[in-house]
Amino acid sequence: MAVHPDVAALAFLVGTWEGDGRGIYPTIEDFAYHEVVEIEAPPKPFLAYRQRTRRAGTGEPLHMEAGYFRSVGEGSVELVIAQPTGIVECHSGTVDGGYIHLTA
């Protein structure tokens, strides 16, 4: 899929990425999970980001979030993510080849 020229430097992110992990927190039992991240390229100057985490074995939904990557100038990028809990993350940074460096 072709990406808008403004986000061409981020084209390597487009696709579906998934893997398994383990959550460890001091206040709850450890848990295994499966995570899926989808990044799509609509014909607009941004990439759409969607993340879903489910409990391994049962498929029970654990977490989800959505947001957007956008270019803010040569080599600069922003990522804004919203969580259904009301938390919004704003990250900014740089893109250099196949690497993105973000700070919140």
Protein backbone atom coordinates (compact mmCIF):
# COMPACT_ATOMS: atom_id res chain seq x y z
CA MET A 1 0.00 0.00 0.00
CA ALA A 2 1.34 3.43 -0.92
CA VAL A 3 1.74 5.97 1.86
CA HIS A 4 1.19 9.72 1.69
CA PRO A 5 4.47 11.51 0.81
CA ASP A 6 4.45 13.37 4.15
CA VAL A 7 4.86 10.06 6.03
CA ALA A 8 7.00 8.17 3.50
CA ALA A 9 9.85 7.94 6.04
CA LEU A 10 7.49 5.88 8.26
CA ALA A 11 6.40 3.42 5.56
CA PHE A 12 8.45 0.62 7.15
CA LEU A 13 5.95 0.57 10.05
CA VAL A 14 2.91 -0.28 7.92
CA GLY A 15 1.59 -3.77 8.59
CA THR A 16 0.49 -6.06 11.38
CA TRP A 17 2.95 -6.84 14.16
CA GLU A 18 2.25 -9.40 16.86
CA GLY A 19 3.89 -11.31 19.64
CA ASP A 20 3.53 -12.84 23.07
CA GLY A 21 4.61 -11.49 26.41
CA ARG A 22 4.27 -11.75 30.15
CA GLY A 23 2.89 -9.09 32.48
CA ILE A 24 4.49 -8.83 35.91
CA TYR A 25 3.16 -6.29 38.42
CA PRO A 26 3.57 -6.29 42.21
CA THR A 27 -0.18 -5.96 42.92
CA ILE A 28 -1.60 -8.70 40.65
CA GLU A 29 -0.79 -12.24 39.53
CA ASP A 30 1.61 -12.59 36.61
CA PHE A 31 -0.14 -13.18 33.30
CA ALA A 32 0.68 -14.19 29.74
CA TYR A 33 -0.69 -12.16 26.85
CA HIS A 34 -0.79 -11.88 23.06
CA GLU A 35 -0.41 -8.42 21.54
CA VAL A 36 -1.30 -7.20 18.05
CA VAL A 37 -0.29 -3.81 16.64
CA GLU A 38 -1.72 -2.70 13.30
CA ILE A 39 -0.41 0.31 11.43
CA GLU A 40 -2.33 1.42 8.36
CA ALA A 41 -1.68 4.05 5.72
CA PRO A 42 -4.84 5.83 4.62
CA PRO A 43 -4.34 8.26 1.71
CA LYS A 44 -3.79 11.07 4.24
CA PRO A 45 -0.66 12.63 5.82
CA PHE A 46 -0.63 10.25 8.80
CA LEU A 47 -0.44 6.57 9.75
CA ALA A 48 -3.19 5.04 11.90
CA TYR A 49 -2.07 2.98 14.91
CA ARG A 50 -4.17 0.38 16.73
CA GLN A 51 -3.02 -1.94 19.53
CA ARG A 52 -4.87 -4.82 21.23
CA THR A 53 -3.72 -7.08 24.04
CA ARG A 54 -5.55 -10.31 24.97
CA ARG A 55 -4.95 -12.87 27.70
CA ALA A 56 -3.07 -15.86 26.27
CA GLY A 57 -5.16 -19.02 26.25
CA THR A 58 -8.59 -17.41 26.74
CA GLY A 59 -8.49 -14.44 24.37
CA GLU A 60 -9.97 -12.20 27.08
CA PRO A 61 -9.41 -8.53 26.14
CA LEU A 62 -6.90 -6.87 28.48
CA HIS A 63 -5.95 -3.54 26.89
CA MET A 64 -6.35 -1.52 23.72
CA GLU A 65 -5.30 1.86 22.43
CA ALA A 66 -5.36 3.81 19.19
CA GLY A 67 -3.57 6.77 17.71
CA TYR A 68 -1.70 8.38 14.86
CA PHE A 69 1.83 8.91 13.62
CA ARG A 70 2.45 12.12 11.69
CA SER A 71 5.43 13.92 10.27
CA VAL A 72 6.15 17.37 11.68
CA GLY A 73 9.04 18.30 9.43
CA GLU A 74 12.11 16.75 7.90
CA GLY A 75 13.09 13.80 10.08
CA SER A 76 10.63 14.70 12.87
CA VAL A 77 7.63 12.64 13.95
CA GLU A 78 4.79 12.75 16.46
CA LEU A 79 2.77 9.85 17.89
CA VAL A 80 -0.47 10.55 19.75
CA ILE A 81 -2.15 7.59 21.50
CA ALA A 82 -5.50 7.49 23.34
CA GLN A 83 -6.45 4.80 25.83
CA PRO A 84 -10.07 4.04 26.83
CA THR A 85 -9.12 4.80 30.45
CA GLY A 86 -8.80 8.49 29.55
CA ILE A 87 -5.02 8.54 29.28
CA VAL A 88 -3.58 10.31 26.24
CA GLU A 89 0.09 10.01 25.35
CA CYS A 90 1.91 12.55 23.18
CA HIS A 91 5.33 11.51 21.93
CA SER A 92 7.71 13.43 19.67
CA GLY A 93 11.01 12.55 18.16
CA THR A 94 12.93 11.67 15.06
CA VAL A 95 12.86 9.07 12.33
CA ASP A 96 16.16 7.98 10.80
CA GLY A 97 16.06 5.14 8.31
CA GLY A 98 14.43 2.19 10.05
CA TYR A 99 14.61 3.74 13.53
CA ILE A 100 12.22 5.98 15.44
CA HIS A 101 13.38 7.73 18.61
CA LEU A 102 10.48 9.08 20.70
CA THR A 103 10.16 10.87 24.03
CA ALA A 104 6.97 11.59 25.95
